[in-house]
Structures are given as structure tokens and as C-alpha cells.
Amino acid sequence: MNNRILVIDDEKMNLLLFKSLLKSYEITLVTALSGKEGIEYHRENKFDLILTDYNMPLLNGVQTLDILRELDKSKNTYTPILLFTADESKSILSWKEYGFNEVLFKPINKELLETYIEQYLFSNN
């Protein structure tokens, strides 16, 4: 079974970084350049994991999360959503209180990312 991951970030370089970090996995990686674009992909497709940046124009990561979780009859109602951010002013617990399953601080720790991939994609398959 080919797992599908959606990565949302307004920075193309970060999306390329995730493609590079996740290239060893047999997954389908879909990238979105805004919260709005990510929401559209979310409405049309089933994903096994969603990663979103916090600091984006128009819809930040928390606003994007709120919309993703509130969509009626969503294919992704129970999909884990991970936040990645450079904002270390909040604790991981604070970010999780917003509803994120996990938090990755920038620069992205590849080993921690792989741990989350294994945990959320492959531990139950």
C-alpha cells in the first residue's frame, strides 16, 4: 500500500527539502504552496499524514489546521497533522493543545521526522 503525505509550506525550498528527506520511503508526496491549496487537496484526496508550516501568509498553520479538522464528511477526519515551525516561543505541549499531533522545529531533524513517519504510517500497517 502506497501511503500519501501532504506537505503544506509557502516556501518552495522547504517543499524540496521534504521531498529529499522522504525520498527513501515508498510514499506519494503531494505538496501545496499555501494553506488554501492544501485545503483543496485535502478535500479531493485521502492522506495518511499531513505536515504544515506555521508561518504562512493568509492562513497560518493553526488556521489551516482548524479548517482541515472542521471540514464536514472529510476523507481525512482522523489523519495525523504535524506542525513544523521555527517559532520556539511556544512549547511542544502548547502547539499540541491547538490540535497538532506532533511538532518539528526548524531546522528539521531528519531522525525525528523519520520517527514520526514510522510511527504514523507504518506502525499500524
Protein backbone atom coordinates (compact mmCIF):
# COMPACT_ATOMS: atom_id res chain seq x y z
CA MET A 1 0.00 0.00 0.00
CA ASN A 2 1.39 3.38 -1.01
CA ASN A 3 0.98 5.96 1.75
CA ARG A 4 0.12 9.54 0.83
CA ILE A 5 1.59 12.57 2.59
CA LEU A 6 0.54 16.19 2.09
CA VAL A 7 3.16 18.86 2.91
CA ILE A 8 1.98 22.48 3.09
CA ASP A 9 4.51 25.32 3.02
CA ASP A 10 4.72 28.64 1.19
CA GLU A 11 8.48 28.19 0.67
CA LYS A 12 9.39 26.04 -2.36
CA MET A 13 12.81 25.26 -0.87
CA ASN A 14 11.20 23.70 2.19
CA LEU A 15 8.98 21.55 -0.02
CA LEU A 16 12.07 20.39 -1.91
CA LEU A 17 13.74 19.64 1.43
CA PHE A 18 10.85 17.39 2.46
CA LYS A 19 10.98 15.63 -0.91
CA SER A 20 14.66 14.95 -0.31
CA LEU A 21 14.19 13.84 3.31
CA LEU A 22 11.36 11.46 2.39
CA LYS A 23 12.73 10.06 -0.88
CA SER A 24 13.73 6.74 0.70
CA TYR A 25 10.11 5.96 1.61
CA GLU A 26 7.63 4.38 -0.77
CA ILE A 27 5.10 7.18 -0.47
CA THR A 28 3.22 9.58 -2.66
CA LEU A 29 4.22 13.09 -1.62
CA VAL A 30 1.85 15.92 -2.53
CA THR A 31 2.99 19.49 -1.91
CA ALA A 32 0.94 22.66 -1.52
CA LEU A 33 2.24 26.24 -1.54
CA SER A 34 -0.44 27.65 0.77
CA GLY A 35 -2.95 26.67 3.40
CA LYS A 36 -5.72 27.28 0.86
CA GLU A 37 -4.11 24.96 -1.70
CA GLY A 38 -3.54 22.33 0.99
CA ILE A 39 -7.20 22.52 1.99
CA GLU A 40 -8.25 21.98 -1.64
CA TYR A 41 -6.01 18.91 -1.94
CA HIS A 42 -7.38 17.73 1.40
CA ARG A 43 -10.96 17.95 0.12
CA GLU A 44 -10.15 15.92 -3.01
CA ASN A 45 -7.81 13.22 -1.66
CA LYS A 46 -7.23 10.86 1.22
CA PHE A 47 -3.92 11.39 3.01
CA ASP A 48 -2.23 9.25 5.64
CA LEU A 49 -0.26 12.15 7.11
CA ILE A 50 -0.30 15.94 6.73
CA LEU A 51 2.59 18.26 7.58
CA THR A 52 2.07 22.01 7.64
CA ASP A 53 4.26 25.01 8.27
CA TYR A 54 3.10 27.54 10.85
CA ASN A 55 4.27 30.81 9.35
CA MET A 56 2.40 31.25 6.06
CA PRO A 57 0.56 34.26 4.62
CA LEU A 58 -3.26 34.41 4.58
CA LEU A 59 -3.78 31.15 6.53
CA ASN A 60 -1.14 30.21 9.07
CA GLY A 61 -0.66 26.63 10.24
CA VAL A 62 -3.15 26.89 13.11
CA GLN A 63 -5.84 28.41 10.89
CA THR A 64 -5.17 25.73 8.26
CA LEU A 65 -5.41 23.02 10.92
CA ASP A 66 -8.74 24.40 12.15
CA ILE A 67 -10.23 24.32 8.65
CA LEU A 68 -8.83 20.85 7.91
CA ARG A 69 -10.35 19.47 11.12
CA GLU A 70 -13.73 21.19 10.65
CA LEU A 71 -14.47 20.08 7.09
CA ASP A 72 -17.64 18.03 7.03
CA LYS A 73 -17.51 14.48 5.67
CA SER A 74 -13.77 14.76 5.23
CA LYS A 75 -11.74 11.85 3.93
CA ASN A 76 -9.10 12.96 6.42
CA THR A 77 -11.06 13.39 9.66
CA TYR A 78 -8.57 11.27 11.62
CA THR A 79 -5.42 11.99 9.62
CA PRO A 80 -2.49 12.96 11.86
CA ILE A 81 -1.34 16.54 11.29
CA LEU A 82 2.19 17.58 12.18
CA LEU A 83 3.34 21.17 12.50
CA PHE A 84 6.78 22.38 11.55
CA THR A 85 7.88 25.80 12.72
CA ALA A 86 10.83 28.00 13.54
CA ASP A 87 8.83 29.58 16.39
CA GLU A 88 10.25 28.07 19.57
CA SER A 89 8.46 30.60 21.81
CA LYS A 90 5.73 28.03 22.43
CA SER A 91 6.33 24.61 23.91
CA ILE A 92 5.50 21.40 22.07
CA LEU A 93 2.63 20.95 24.53
CA SER A 94 1.27 24.40 23.61
CA TRP A 95 1.31 23.51 19.92
CA LYS A 96 -0.35 20.16 20.65
CA GLU A 97 -3.12 21.98 22.54
CA TYR A 98 -4.06 23.57 19.20
CA GLY A 99 -4.66 20.04 17.88
CA PHE A 100 -1.41 19.07 16.16
CA ASN A 101 -0.31 15.50 16.70
CA GLU A 102 3.40 16.38 16.74
CA VAL A 103 5.72 19.36 16.29
CA LEU A 104 9.01 19.62 14.42
CA PHE A 105 11.15 22.69 15.00
CA LYS A 106 13.25 24.07 12.16
CA PRO A 107 15.80 23.16 11.06
CA ILE A 108 14.04 19.82 10.60
CA ASN A 109 15.67 16.95 12.46
CA LYS A 110 15.69 14.10 9.92
CA GLU A 111 15.79 11.36 12.57
CA LEU A 112 12.79 12.82 14.41
CA LEU A 113 10.89 13.21 11.14
CA GLU A 114 11.63 9.57 10.30
CA THR A 115 10.45 8.52 13.78
CA TYR A 116 7.11 10.26 13.16
CA ILE A 117 6.82 8.76 9.67
CA GLU A 118 7.39 5.29 11.09
CA GLN A 119 5.01 5.93 13.98
CA TYR A 120 2.12 7.34 11.97
CA LEU A 121 2.45 5.46 8.70
CA PHE A 122 3.97 2.09 9.37
CA SER A 123 3.30 1.12 12.98
CA ASN A 124 -0.35 0.21 12.31
CA ASN A 125 0.04 -1.34 8.82
